[in-house]
Amino acid sequence: MSSAPKLERFSTDGITVLVVEDDETTRSLLVRMLKTMGASQVYEASHGGDGLRLAWEMKPTIAVCDIDMAPVDGLSFLGGVRGALEPKVSALPVVMFTATKDSAAMEKAKALGVQGYLLKPFNPKGFATYMCDIVAKHHKTDWGGMGAPQAAGEEKEKEKEKEKEKEKEKT
């Protein structure tokens, strides 16, 4: 009788994860693994639309997202995250976790600022190590969560302010 592999654990407490996956069996497996790895909370969404809602409401530390889902796919989820005006949402690290080997989808994810790309089927130990590395790289305790110093939402807000100033100068 073999025992389950020992999975690497997150190095920081309070890690919350959003799993956006349409396959219920895969989603359930990821949730169990992430809890074993020490995630304090794992939120679940069956498609990108629900994932975006949860990203806004819960502001997780990191998201794991499939690409091929309906009605809202993973690339639309990633685009919605990056386009958010809320910095804690727009700077959310996203790891694509998918069976697709479509190079165009991979390039689009990269252009949208994905932090990682894992192919299914997967090795649980490799998944755990990869996720722990991504969280360690991006987690900032002074931020109270994940985030880049200049999040996409902050940049957009500054651009809008500059445009308003230019309009005022014209009048």
Protein backbone atom coordinates (compact mmCIF):
# COMPACT_ATOMS: atom_id res chain seq x y z
CA MET A 1 0.00 0.00 0.00
CA SER A 2 1.59 3.27 -1.09
CA SER A 3 0.98 6.49 0.75
CA ALA A 4 0.24 9.85 -0.83
CA PRO A 5 3.33 11.89 -1.67
CA LYS A 6 4.39 14.46 0.89
CA LEU A 7 3.69 17.86 -0.64
CA GLU A 8 5.71 21.01 -0.13
CA ARG A 9 3.92 23.57 2.06
CA PHE A 10 3.54 27.32 1.63
CA SER A 11 6.21 29.14 3.64
CA THR A 12 3.78 31.81 4.84
CA ASP A 13 0.52 31.51 6.77
CA GLY A 14 -2.67 33.07 5.49
CA ILE A 15 -2.27 32.07 1.83
CA THR A 16 -5.60 32.05 0.00
CA VAL A 17 -6.06 30.45 -3.41
CA LEU A 18 -8.69 30.81 -6.09
CA VAL A 19 -9.14 27.69 -8.24
CA VAL A 20 -10.93 28.36 -11.55
CA GLU A 21 -11.55 24.95 -13.15
CA ASP A 22 -14.61 23.58 -14.94
CA ASP A 23 -13.88 19.90 -14.31
CA GLU A 24 -15.28 19.13 -10.86
CA THR A 25 -12.95 16.16 -10.22
CA THR A 26 -9.83 18.18 -11.06
CA ARG A 27 -11.07 21.17 -9.06
CA SER A 28 -11.75 18.97 -6.02
CA LEU A 29 -8.28 17.41 -6.27
CA LEU A 30 -6.62 20.84 -6.49
CA VAL A 31 -8.59 22.10 -3.49
CA ARG A 32 -7.51 19.11 -1.37
CA MET A 33 -3.88 19.50 -2.45
CA LEU A 34 -3.79 23.24 -1.77
CA LYS A 35 -5.29 22.75 1.70
CA THR A 36 -2.67 20.05 2.38
CA MET A 37 -0.03 22.57 1.28
CA GLY A 38 -1.24 24.97 3.98
CA ALA A 39 -3.65 27.28 2.15
CA SER A 40 -5.86 28.89 4.79
CA GLN A 41 -8.74 29.22 2.32
CA VAL A 42 -9.40 27.87 -1.17
CA TYR A 43 -12.16 29.48 -3.24
CA GLU A 44 -13.71 27.54 -6.13
CA ALA A 45 -15.13 28.70 -9.45
CA SER A 46 -16.31 26.57 -12.36
CA HIS A 47 -15.61 29.22 -15.05
CA GLY A 48 -13.90 32.56 -15.55
CA GLY A 49 -16.96 34.69 -14.82
CA ASP A 50 -17.39 33.21 -11.35
CA GLY A 51 -13.62 33.40 -10.93
CA LEU A 52 -13.61 37.16 -11.62
CA ARG A 53 -16.41 37.70 -9.10
CA LEU A 54 -14.47 35.77 -6.44
CA ALA A 55 -11.22 37.57 -7.30
CA TRP A 56 -12.98 40.88 -6.62
CA GLU A 57 -14.79 39.71 -3.49
CA MET A 58 -12.10 37.62 -1.81
CA LYS A 59 -8.83 39.11 -3.13
CA PRO A 60 -6.93 35.80 -2.95
CA THR A 61 -3.16 35.50 -2.75
CA ILE A 62 -2.92 33.54 -6.01
CA ALA A 63 -5.18 31.98 -8.65
CA VAL A 64 -4.91 28.70 -10.55
CA CYS A 65 -6.96 28.77 -13.75
CA ASP A 66 -7.85 26.42 -16.60
CA ILE A 67 -8.04 27.88 -20.12
CA ASP A 68 -10.77 25.88 -21.86
CA MET A 69 -13.98 26.69 -19.96
CA ALA A 70 -17.42 28.01 -20.83
CA PRO A 71 -19.12 30.39 -20.72
CA VAL A 72 -16.06 32.46 -19.73
CA ASP A 73 -12.65 30.97 -20.53
CA GLY A 74 -9.39 31.32 -18.63
CA LEU A 75 -7.85 33.90 -20.96
CA SER A 76 -10.91 36.13 -20.49
CA PHE A 77 -10.56 35.64 -16.73
CA LEU A 78 -6.89 36.66 -16.91
CA GLY A 79 -7.73 39.69 -19.07
CA GLY A 80 -10.43 40.73 -16.61
CA VAL A 81 -8.03 40.41 -13.69
CA ARG A 82 -5.33 42.48 -15.41
CA GLY A 83 -7.86 45.11 -16.46
CA ALA A 84 -9.20 45.64 -12.94
CA LEU A 85 -8.81 49.08 -11.38
CA GLU A 86 -8.43 47.54 -7.91
CA PRO A 87 -4.64 46.93 -7.46
CA LYS A 88 -5.12 43.84 -5.30
CA VAL A 89 -7.09 42.30 -8.16
CA SER A 90 -5.03 43.49 -11.14
CA ALA A 91 -1.78 42.31 -9.53
CA LEU A 92 -3.15 38.86 -8.64
CA PRO A 93 -0.63 36.20 -9.68
CA VAL A 94 -2.32 33.72 -12.01
CA VAL A 95 -0.99 30.28 -12.94
CA MET A 96 -2.64 28.70 -15.96
CA PHE A 97 -3.28 25.01 -15.36
CA THR A 98 -4.50 23.38 -18.53
CA ALA A 99 -4.37 20.50 -20.96
CA THR A 100 -4.14 22.81 -23.97
CA LYS A 101 -0.81 22.97 -25.76
CA ASP A 102 -2.01 25.71 -28.11
CA SER A 103 0.98 28.03 -28.57
CA ALA A 104 -1.29 30.98 -29.44
CA ALA A 105 -3.12 30.58 -26.11
CA MET A 106 0.20 30.35 -24.28
CA GLU A 107 1.44 33.53 -25.99
CA LYS A 108 -1.77 35.39 -25.19
CA ALA A 109 -1.51 34.32 -21.53
CA LYS A 110 2.09 35.51 -21.47
CA ALA A 111 1.09 38.86 -23.03
CA LEU A 112 -1.59 39.24 -20.34
CA GLY A 113 0.99 38.76 -17.58
CA VAL A 114 0.45 35.18 -16.45
CA GLN A 115 2.93 34.11 -13.75
CA GLY A 116 3.11 30.48 -14.77
CA TYR A 117 1.81 27.75 -17.01
CA LEU A 118 1.36 24.13 -15.92
CA LEU A 119 0.19 21.36 -18.24
CA LYS A 120 -2.21 18.56 -17.32
CA PRO A 121 -1.74 15.76 -16.48
CA PHE A 122 0.48 16.86 -13.63
CA ASN A 123 2.77 15.55 -10.94
CA PRO A 124 1.39 16.53 -7.49
CA LYS A 125 4.84 17.12 -5.98
CA GLY A 126 5.89 19.21 -8.98
CA PHE A 127 2.66 21.22 -8.79
CA ALA A 128 3.17 21.88 -5.06
CA THR A 129 6.78 22.97 -5.49
CA TYR A 130 5.88 25.25 -8.41
CA MET A 131 2.98 26.89 -6.56
CA CYS A 132 5.09 27.42 -3.43
CA ASP A 133 7.82 29.03 -5.54
CA ILE A 134 5.34 31.40 -7.23
CA VAL A 135 3.81 32.42 -3.90
CA ALA A 136 7.23 32.96 -2.29
CA LYS A 137 8.32 35.09 -5.24
CA HIS A 138 5.23 37.31 -5.29
CA HIS A 139 3.96 37.43 -1.70
CA LYS A 140 4.58 40.74 0.04
CA THR A 141 3.68 40.99 3.71
CA ASP A 142 3.77 44.81 3.61
CA TRP A 143 1.09 44.74 0.89
CA GLY A 144 -1.11 42.43 2.92
CA GLY A 145 -1.24 40.05 0.02
CA MET A 146 0.04 39.81 -3.49
CA GLY A 147 0.88 42.69 -5.65
CA ALA A 148 3.39 44.53 -7.70
CA PRO A 149 4.53 47.98 -6.59
CA GLN A 150 2.98 49.44 -9.74
CA ALA A 151 -0.11 47.36 -10.36
CA ALA A 152 -1.91 47.54 -13.68
CA GLY A 153 -4.92 49.22 -12.08
CA GLU A 154 -2.78 51.98 -10.60
CA GLU A 155 -1.19 52.63 -13.99
CA LYS A 156 -4.60 52.91 -15.67
CA GLU A 157 -5.83 55.28 -12.97
CA LYS A 158 -2.77 57.53 -13.48
CA GLU A 159 -3.33 57.50 -17.26
CA LYS A 160 -6.95 58.59 -16.77
CA GLU A 161 -5.85 61.43 -14.46
CA LYS A 162 -3.29 62.63 -17.05
CA GLU A 163 -5.97 62.58 -19.77
CA LYS A 164 -8.30 64.65 -17.58
CA GLU A 165 -5.52 67.19 -16.95
CA LYS A 166 -4.84 67.47 -20.70
CA GLU A 167 -8.55 68.05 -21.36
CA LYS A 168 -8.62 70.82 -18.72
CA GLU A 169 -5.59 72.49 -20.33
CA LYS A 170 -7.36 72.53 -23.72
CA THR A 171 -10.38 74.37 -22.32
